[in-house]
Amino acid sequence: MVTRRRSQAERDAITVEIGYALASACFLGGVVFATIAGPAAVWRLPHTVEQSLLATGTVVGGVLAVMRVVHVLWRFGSQHD
């Protein structure tokens, strides 16, 4: 495997893509968390239900955010190889 130095434009493109991946992942994670855990903030629910909604929202939002970063960067890598 032979490696070559990347040009400044290629390094800039990678940096922008990483920023986009992180920003879109944060947005997606926040929206999913708010959708799942939102009812706990709006309505008076039993404590166990509130805790379950918060935990579920955190886990699902986090997993989807990580999946978004992987998807965006994987797609970028396959297009530029």
PDB file of N, CA and C in Angstrom:
ATOM      1  N   MET A   1       0.839  -1.177   0.000  1.00  0.00           N
ATOM      2  CA  MET A   1       0.000   0.000   0.000  1.00  0.00           C
ATOM      3  C   MET A   1       0.883   1.239   0.000  1.00  0.00           C
ATOM      4  N   VAL A   2       0.708   2.050  -1.002  1.00  0.00           N
ATOM      5  CA  VAL A   2       1.498   3.261  -1.140  1.00  0.00           C
ATOM      6  C   VAL A   2       0.641   4.437  -0.690  1.00  0.00           C
ATOM      7  N   THR A   3       1.192   5.237   0.194  1.00  0.00           N
ATOM      8  CA  THR A   3       0.469   6.422   0.644  1.00  0.00           C
ATOM      9  C   THR A   3       1.072   7.647  -0.003  1.00  0.00           C
ATOM     10  N   ARG A   4       0.237   8.639  -0.207  1.00  0.00           N
ATOM     11  CA  ARG A   4       0.712   9.886  -0.787  1.00  0.00           C
ATOM     12  C   ARG A   4       0.220  11.032   0.090  1.00  0.00           C
ATOM     13  N   ARG A   5       0.893  12.137  -0.035  1.00  0.00           N
ATOM     14  CA  ARG A   5       0.488  13.314   0.743  1.00  0.00           C
ATOM     15  C   ARG A   5      -0.780  13.902   0.139  1.00  0.00           C
ATOM     16  N   ARG A   6      -1.683  14.291   0.997  1.00  0.00           N
ATOM     17  CA  ARG A   6      -2.922  14.906   0.522  1.00  0.00           C
ATOM     18  C   ARG A   6      -2.693  16.395   0.285  1.00  0.00           C
ATOM     19  N   SER A   7      -3.403  16.916  -0.696  1.00  0.00           N
ATOM     20  CA  SER A   7      -3.300  18.349  -0.962  1.00  0.00           C
ATOM     21  C   SER A   7      -4.092  19.117   0.099  1.00  0.00           C
ATOM     22  N   GLN A   8      -3.884  20.423   0.119  1.00  0.00           N
ATOM     23  CA  GLN A   8      -4.604  21.256   1.086  1.00  0.00           C
ATOM     24  C   GLN A   8      -6.105  21.196   0.825  1.00  0.00           C
ATOM     25  N   ALA A   9      -6.509  21.155  -0.436  1.00  0.00           N
ATOM     26  CA  ALA A   9      -7.935  21.077  -0.766  1.00  0.00           C
ATOM     27  C   ALA A   9      -8.552  19.777  -0.253  1.00  0.00           C
ATOM     28  N   GLU A  10      -7.821  18.682  -0.366  1.00  0.00           N
ATOM     29  CA  GLU A  10      -8.329  17.395   0.147  1.00  0.00           C
ATOM     30  C   GLU A  10      -8.441  17.421   1.666  1.00  0.00           C
ATOM     31  N   ARG A  11      -7.464  18.000   2.332  1.00  0.00           N
ATOM     32  CA  ARG A  11      -7.524  18.098   3.796  1.00  0.00           C
ATOM     33  C   ARG A  11      -8.679  18.995   4.228  1.00  0.00           C
ATOM     34  N   ASP A  12      -8.895  20.088   3.505  1.00  0.00           N
ATOM     35  CA  ASP A  12     -10.012  20.977   3.815  1.00  0.00           C
ATOM     36  C   ASP A  12     -11.352  20.275   3.611  1.00  0.00           C
ATOM     37  N   ALA A  13     -11.461  19.489   2.548  1.00  0.00           N
ATOM     38  CA  ALA A  13     -12.700  18.758   2.286  1.00  0.00           C
ATOM     39  C   ALA A  13     -12.991  17.753   3.400  1.00  0.00           C
ATOM     40  N   ILE A  14     -11.965  17.091   3.872  1.00  0.00           N
ATOM     41  CA  ILE A  14     -12.144  16.132   4.972  1.00  0.00           C
ATOM     42  C   ILE A  14     -12.592  16.863   6.233  1.00  0.00           C
ATOM     43  N   THR A  15     -11.980  18.007   6.512  1.00  0.00           N
ATOM     44  CA  THR A  15     -12.349  18.782   7.705  1.00  0.00           C
ATOM     45  C   THR A  15     -13.795  19.244   7.641  1.00  0.00           C
ATOM     46  N   VAL A  16     -14.207  19.740   6.482  1.00  0.00           N
ATOM     47  CA  VAL A  16     -15.595  20.180   6.319  1.00  0.00           C
ATOM     48  C   VAL A  16     -16.554  19.010   6.474  1.00  0.00           C
ATOM     49  N   GLU A  17     -16.212  17.875   5.924  1.00  0.00           N
ATOM     50  CA  GLU A  17     -17.085  16.702   6.006  1.00  0.00           C
ATOM     51  C   GLU A  17     -17.218  16.214   7.447  1.00  0.00           C
ATOM     52  N   ILE A  18     -16.126  16.244   8.205  1.00  0.00           N
ATOM     53  CA  ILE A  18     -16.186  15.853   9.614  1.00  0.00           C
ATOM     54  C   ILE A  18     -17.077  16.826  10.384  1.00  0.00           C
ATOM     55  N   GLY A  19     -16.936  18.109  10.116  1.00  0.00           N
ATOM     56  CA  GLY A  19     -17.789  19.108  10.771  1.00  0.00           C
ATOM     57  C   GLY A  19     -19.252  18.905  10.445  1.00  0.00           C
ATOM     58  N   TYR A  20     -19.544  18.639   9.168  1.00  0.00           N
ATOM     59  CA  TYR A  20     -20.919  18.375   8.760  1.00  0.00           C
ATOM     60  C   TYR A  20     -21.462  17.117   9.441  1.00  0.00           C
ATOM     61  N   ALA A  21     -20.644  16.076   9.502  1.00  0.00           N
ATOM     62  CA  ALA A  21     -21.080  14.827  10.129  1.00  0.00           C
ATOM     63  C   ALA A  21     -21.411  15.059  11.596  1.00  0.00           C
ATOM     64  N   LEU A  22     -20.564  15.784  12.307  1.00  0.00           N
ATOM     65  CA  LEU A  22     -20.811  16.040  13.727  1.00  0.00           C
ATOM     66  C   LEU A  22     -22.017  16.946  13.943  1.00  0.00           C
ATOM     67  N   ALA A  23     -22.145  17.994  13.137  1.00  0.00           N
ATOM     68  CA  ALA A  23     -23.280  18.912  13.304  1.00  0.00           C
ATOM     69  C   ALA A  23     -24.606  18.217  13.007  1.00  0.00           C
ATOM     70  N   SER A  24     -24.657  17.451  11.928  1.00  0.00           N
ATOM     71  CA  SER A  24     -25.909  16.773  11.591  1.00  0.00           C
ATOM     72  C   SER A  24     -26.217  15.671  12.605  1.00  0.00           C
ATOM     73  N   ALA A  25     -25.183  15.045  13.170  1.00  0.00           N
ATOM     74  CA  ALA A  25     -25.404  14.023  14.197  1.00  0.00           C
ATOM     75  C   ALA A  25     -25.954  14.648  15.472  1.00  0.00           C
ATOM     76  N   CYS A  26     -25.424  15.799  15.858  1.00  0.00           N
ATOM     77  CA  CYS A  26     -25.949  16.485  17.049  1.00  0.00           C
ATOM     78  C   CYS A  26     -27.404  16.894  16.845  1.00  0.00           C
ATOM     79  N   PHE A  27     -27.714  17.401  15.673  1.00  0.00           N
ATOM     80  CA  PHE A  27     -29.094  17.789  15.388  1.00  0.00           C
ATOM     81  C   PHE A  27     -30.023  16.576  15.429  1.00  0.00           C
ATOM     82  N   LEU A  28     -29.627  15.501  14.762  1.00  0.00           N
ATOM     83  CA  LEU A  28     -30.437  14.283  14.749  1.00  0.00           C
ATOM     84  C   LEU A  28     -30.613  13.731  16.157  1.00  0.00           C
ATOM     85  N   GLY A  29     -29.534  13.638  16.914  1.00  0.00           N
ATOM     86  CA  GLY A  29     -29.613  13.128  18.277  1.00  0.00           C
ATOM     87  C   GLY A  29     -30.523  13.976  19.149  1.00  0.00           C
ATOM     88  N   GLY A  30     -30.427  15.290  19.000  1.00  0.00           N
ATOM     89  CA  GLY A  30     -31.280  16.193  19.780  1.00  0.00           C
ATOM     90  C   GLY A  30     -32.743  16.071  19.436  1.00  0.00           C
ATOM     91  N   VAL A  31     -33.046  15.969  18.147  1.00  0.00           N
ATOM     92  CA  VAL A  31     -34.440  15.827  17.721  1.00  0.00           C
ATOM     93  C   VAL A  31     -35.027  14.508  18.206  1.00  0.00           C
ATOM     94  N   VAL A  32     -34.267  13.431  18.071  1.00  0.00           N
ATOM     95  CA  VAL A  32     -34.750  12.122  18.517  1.00  0.00           C
ATOM     96  C   VAL A  32     -34.939  12.108  20.033  1.00  0.00           C
ATOM     97  N   PHE A  33     -33.974  12.664  20.770  1.00  0.00           N
ATOM     98  CA  PHE A  33     -34.112  12.727  22.225  1.00  0.00           C
ATOM     99  C   PHE A  33     -35.350  13.524  22.614  1.00  0.00           C
ATOM    100  N   ALA A  34     -35.536  14.691  22.001  1.00  0.00           N
ATOM    101  CA  ALA A  34     -36.689  15.527  22.328  1.00  0.00           C
ATOM    102  C   ALA A  34     -38.006  14.834  21.980  1.00  0.00           C
ATOM    103  N   THR A  35     -38.010  14.091  20.896  1.00  0.00           N
ATOM    104  CA  THR A  35     -39.225  13.387  20.497  1.00  0.00           C
ATOM    105  C   THR A  35     -39.591  12.299  21.500  1.00  0.00           C
ATOM    106  N   ILE A  36     -38.599  11.561  21.943  1.00  0.00           N
ATOM    107  CA  ILE A  36     -38.873  10.452  22.862  1.00  0.00           C
ATOM    108  C   ILE A  36     -39.065  10.946  24.294  1.00  0.00           C
ATOM    109  N   ALA A  37     -38.203  11.839  24.761  1.00  0.00           N
ATOM    110  CA  ALA A  37     -38.258  12.283  26.153  1.00  0.00           C
ATOM    111  C   ALA A  37     -39.171  13.487  26.355  1.00  0.00           C
ATOM    112  N   GLY A  38     -39.624  14.094  25.281  1.00  0.00           N
ATOM    113  CA  GLY A  38     -40.480  15.273  25.381  1.00  0.00           C
ATOM    114  C   GLY A  38     -41.723  15.104  26.237  1.00  0.00           C
ATOM    115  N   PRO A  39     -42.441  14.008  26.099  1.00  0.00           N
ATOM    116  CA  PRO A  39     -43.641  13.847  26.929  1.00  0.00           C
ATOM    117  C   PRO A  39     -43.354  13.886  28.429  1.00  0.00           C
ATOM    118  N   ALA A  40     -42.166  13.479  28.832  1.00  0.00           N
ATOM    119  CA  ALA A  40     -41.811  13.520  30.259  1.00  0.00           C
ATOM    120  C   ALA A  40     -41.679  14.971  30.732  1.00  0.00           C
ATOM    121  N   ALA A  41     -41.307  15.878  29.839  1.00  0.00           N
ATOM    122  CA  ALA A  41     -41.175  17.285  30.200  1.00  0.00           C
ATOM    123  C   ALA A  41     -42.510  18.019  30.132  1.00  0.00           C
ATOM    124  N   VAL A  42     -43.431  17.520  29.327  1.00  0.00           N
ATOM    125  CA  VAL A  42     -44.694  18.222  29.116  1.00  0.00           C
ATOM    126  C   VAL A  42     -45.771  17.762  30.091  1.00  0.00           C
ATOM    127  N   TRP A  43     -45.904  16.463  30.271  1.00  0.00           N
ATOM    128  CA  TRP A  43     -46.976  15.926  31.106  1.00  0.00           C
ATOM    129  C   TRP A  43     -46.436  15.364  32.408  1.00  0.00           C
ATOM    130  N   ARG A  44     -47.309  15.316  33.371  1.00  0.00           N
ATOM    131  CA  ARG A  44     -46.963  14.719  34.665  1.00  0.00           C
ATOM    132  C   ARG A  44     -47.187  13.220  34.547  1.00  0.00           C
ATOM    133  N   LEU A  45     -46.095  12.475  34.526  1.00  0.00           N
ATOM    134  CA  LEU A  45     -46.147  11.025  34.363  1.00  0.00           C
ATOM    135  C   LEU A  45     -45.559  10.365  35.606  1.00  0.00           C
ATOM    136  N   PRO A  46     -45.860   9.099  35.813  1.00  0.00           N
ATOM    137  CA  PRO A  46     -45.221   8.391  36.929  1.00  0.00           C
ATOM    138  C   PRO A  46     -43.691   8.441  36.788  1.00  0.00           C
ATOM    139  N   HIS A  47     -43.024   8.453  37.933  1.00  0.00           N
ATOM    140  CA  HIS A  47     -41.561   8.598  37.962  1.00  0.00           C
ATOM    141  C   HIS A  47     -40.861   7.534  37.112  1.00  0.00           C
ATOM    142  N   THR A  48     -41.328   6.310  37.182  1.00  0.00           N
ATOM    143  CA  THR A  48     -40.698   5.228  36.411  1.00  0.00           C
ATOM    144  C   THR A  48     -40.823   5.472  34.912  1.00  0.00           C
ATOM    145  N   VAL A  49     -41.974   5.961  34.486  1.00  0.00           N
ATOM    146  CA  VAL A  49     -42.183   6.243  33.057  1.00  0.00           C
ATOM    147  C   VAL A  49     -41.281   7.390  32.615  1.00  0.00           C
ATOM    148  N   GLU A  50     -41.191   8.433  33.452  1.00  0.00           N
ATOM    149  CA  GLU A  50     -40.322   9.556  33.107  1.00  0.00           C
ATOM    150  C   GLU A  50     -38.863   9.109  32.964  1.00  0.00           C
ATOM    151  N   GLN A  51     -38.408   8.323  33.903  1.00  0.00           N
ATOM    152  CA  GLN A  51     -37.030   7.834  33.851  1.00  0.00           C
ATOM    153  C   GLN A  51     -36.807   6.944  32.632  1.00  0.00           C
ATOM    154  N   SER A  52     -37.795   6.123  32.318  1.00  0.00           N
ATOM    155  CA  SER A  52     -37.681   5.250  31.142  1.00  0.00           C
ATOM    156  C   SER A  52     -37.618   6.062  29.853  1.00  0.00           C
ATOM    157  N   LEU A  53     -38.442   7.097  29.751  1.00  0.00           N
ATOM    158  CA  LEU A  53     -38.428   7.936  28.553  1.00  0.00           C
ATOM    159  C   LEU A  53     -37.094   8.669  28.413  1.00  0.00           C
ATOM    160  N   LEU A  54     -36.588   9.206  29.517  1.00  0.00           N
ATOM    161  CA  LEU A  54     -35.296   9.893  29.462  1.00  0.00           C
ATOM    162  C   LEU A  54     -34.161   8.946  29.081  1.00  0.00           C
ATOM    163  N   ALA A  55     -34.152   7.767  29.670  1.00  0.00           N
ATOM    164  CA  ALA A  55     -33.097   6.794  29.360  1.00  0.00           C
ATOM    165  C   ALA A  55     -33.194   6.323  27.913  1.00  0.00           C
ATOM    166  N   THR A  56     -34.408   6.022  27.480  1.00  0.00           N
ATOM    167  CA  THR A  56     -34.607   5.563  26.101  1.00  0.00           C
ATOM    168  C   THR A  56     -34.219   6.654  25.112  1.00  0.00           C
ATOM    169  N   GLY A  57     -34.630   7.886  25.370  1.00  0.00           N
ATOM    170  CA  GLY A  57     -34.273   9.003  24.490  1.00  0.00           C
ATOM    171  C   GLY A  57     -32.780   9.218  24.402  1.00  0.00           C
ATOM    172  N   THR A  58     -32.104   9.081  25.546  1.00  0.00           N
ATOM    173  CA  THR A  58     -30.650   9.243  25.564  1.00  0.00           C
ATOM    174  C   THR A  58     -29.956   8.165  24.750  1.00  0.00           C
ATOM    175  N   VAL A  59     -30.356   6.933  24.964  1.00  0.00           N
ATOM    176  CA  VAL A  59     -29.709   5.816  24.268  1.00  0.00           C
ATOM    177  C   VAL A  59     -29.995   5.871  22.773  1.00  0.00           C
ATOM    178  N   VAL A  60     -31.243   6.021  22.405  1.00  0.00           N
ATOM    179  CA  VAL A  60     -31.605   6.016  20.978  1.00  0.00           C
ATOM    180  C   VAL A  60     -30.990   7.230  20.273  1.00  0.00           C
ATOM    181  N   GLY A  61     -31.068   8.402  20.892  1.00  0.00           N
ATOM    182  CA  GLY A  61     -30.468   9.597  20.294  1.00  0.00           C
ATOM    183  C   GLY A  61     -28.968   9.458  20.123  1.00  0.00           C
ATOM    184  N   GLY A  62     -28.300   8.894  21.126  1.00  0.00           N
ATOM    185  CA  GLY A  62     -26.851   8.700  21.034  1.00  0.00           C
ATOM    186  C   GLY A  62     -26.456   7.697  19.966  1.00  0.00           C
ATOM    187  N   VAL A  63     -27.180   6.590  19.921  1.00  0.00           N
ATOM    188  CA  VAL A  63     -26.870   5.559  18.915  1.00  0.00           C
ATOM    189  C   VAL A  63     -27.093   6.099  17.507  1.00  0.00           C
ATOM    190  N   LEU A  64     -28.200   6.802  17.303  1.00  0.00           N
ATOM    191  CA  LEU A  64     -28.465   7.347  15.967  1.00  0.00           C
ATOM    192  C   LEU A  64     -27.449   8.425  15.593  1.00  0.00           C
ATOM    193  N   ALA A  65     -26.986   9.206  16.554  1.00  0.00           N
ATOM    194  CA  ALA A  65     -25.967  10.220  16.267  1.00  0.00           C
ATOM    195  C   ALA A  65     -24.665   9.558  15.818  1.00  0.00           C
ATOM    196  N   VAL A  66     -24.256   8.513  16.513  1.00  0.00           N
ATOM    197  CA  VAL A  66     -23.039   7.789  16.125  1.00  0.00           C
ATOM    198  C   VAL A  66     -23.212   7.162  14.749  1.00  0.00           C
ATOM    199  N   MET A  67     -24.375   6.578  14.510  1.00  0.00           N
ATOM    200  CA  MET A  67     -24.632   5.972  13.194  1.00  0.00           C
ATOM    201  C   MET A  67     -24.598   7.025  12.087  1.00  0.00           C
ATOM    202  N   ARG A  68     -25.072   8.233  12.382  1.00  0.00           N
ATOM    203  CA  ARG A  68     -25.058   9.304  11.390  1.00  0.00           C
ATOM    204  C   ARG A  68     -23.620   9.689  11.042  1.00  0.00           C
ATOM    205  N   VAL A  69     -22.769   9.831  12.045  1.00  0.00           N
ATOM    206  CA  VAL A  69     -21.367  10.185  11.792  1.00  0.00           C
ATOM    207  C   VAL A  69     -20.703   9.105  10.942  1.00  0.00           C
ATOM    208  N   VAL A  70     -20.902   7.856  11.308  1.00  0.00           N
ATOM    209  CA  VAL A  70     -20.296   6.753  10.559  1.00  0.00           C
ATOM    210  C   VAL A  70     -20.802   6.748   9.119  1.00  0.00           C
ATOM    211  N   HIS A  71     -22.102   6.934   8.929  1.00  0.00           N
ATOM    212  CA  HIS A  71     -22.681   6.906   7.588  1.00  0.00           C
ATOM    213  C   HIS A  71     -22.118   8.028   6.712  1.00  0.00           C
ATOM    214  N   VAL A  72     -22.076   9.244   7.244  1.00  0.00           N
ATOM    215  CA  VAL A  72     -21.588  10.377   6.450  1.00  0.00           C
ATOM    216  C   VAL A  72     -20.122  10.200   6.093  1.00  0.00           C
ATOM    217  N   LEU A  73     -19.300   9.812   7.068  1.00  0.00           N
ATOM    218  CA  LEU A  73     -17.871   9.677   6.787  1.00  0.00           C
ATOM    219  C   LEU A  73     -17.574   8.475   5.904  1.00  0.00           C
ATOM    220  N   TRP A  74     -18.328   7.396   6.058  1.00  0.00           N
ATOM    221  CA  TRP A  74     -18.134   6.225   5.203  1.00  0.00           C
ATOM    222  C   TRP A  74     -18.482   6.567   3.754  1.00  0.00           C
ATOM    223  N   ARG A  75     -19.604   7.272   3.575  1.00  0.00           N
ATOM    224  CA  ARG A  75     -20.012   7.674   2.230  1.00  0.00           C
ATOM    225  C   ARG A  75     -18.975   8.603   1.603  1.00  0.00           C
ATOM    226  N   PHE A  76     -18.454   9.540   2.394  1.00  0.00           N
ATOM    227  CA  PHE A  76     -17.430  10.457   1.894  1.00  0.00           C
ATOM    228  C   PHE A  76     -16.166   9.694   1.497  1.00  0.00           C
ATOM    229  N   GLY A  77     -15.764   8.743   2.339  1.00  0.00           N
ATOM    230  CA  GLY A  77     -14.565   7.958   2.041  1.00  0.00           C
ATOM    231  C   GLY A  77     -14.708   7.114   0.797  1.00  0.00           C
ATOM    232  N   SER A  78     -15.884   6.552   0.587  1.00  0.00           N
ATOM    233  CA  SER A  78     -16.071   5.696  -0.599  1.00  0.00           C
ATOM    234  C   SER A  78     -16.146   6.528  -1.872  1.00  0.00           C
ATOM    235  N   GLN A  79     -16.581   7.773  -1.773  1.00  0.00           N
ATOM    236  CA  GLN A  79     -16.648   8.636  -2.956  1.00  0.00           C
ATOM    237  C   GLN A  79     -15.280   9.185  -3.349  1.00  0.00           C
ATOM    238  N   HIS A  80     -14.365   9.267  -2.391  1.00  0.00           N
ATOM    239  CA  HIS A  80     -13.079   9.895  -2.653  1.00  0.00           C
ATOM    240  C   HIS A  80     -11.901   8.934  -2.634  1.00  0.00           C
ATOM    241  N   ASP A  81     -12.166   7.657  -2.743  1.00  0.00           N
ATOM    242  CA  ASP A  81     -11.066   6.679  -2.802  1.00  0.00           C
ATOM    243  C   ASP A  81     -10.687   6.369  -4.221  1.00  0.00           C
TER     244      ASP A  81
END
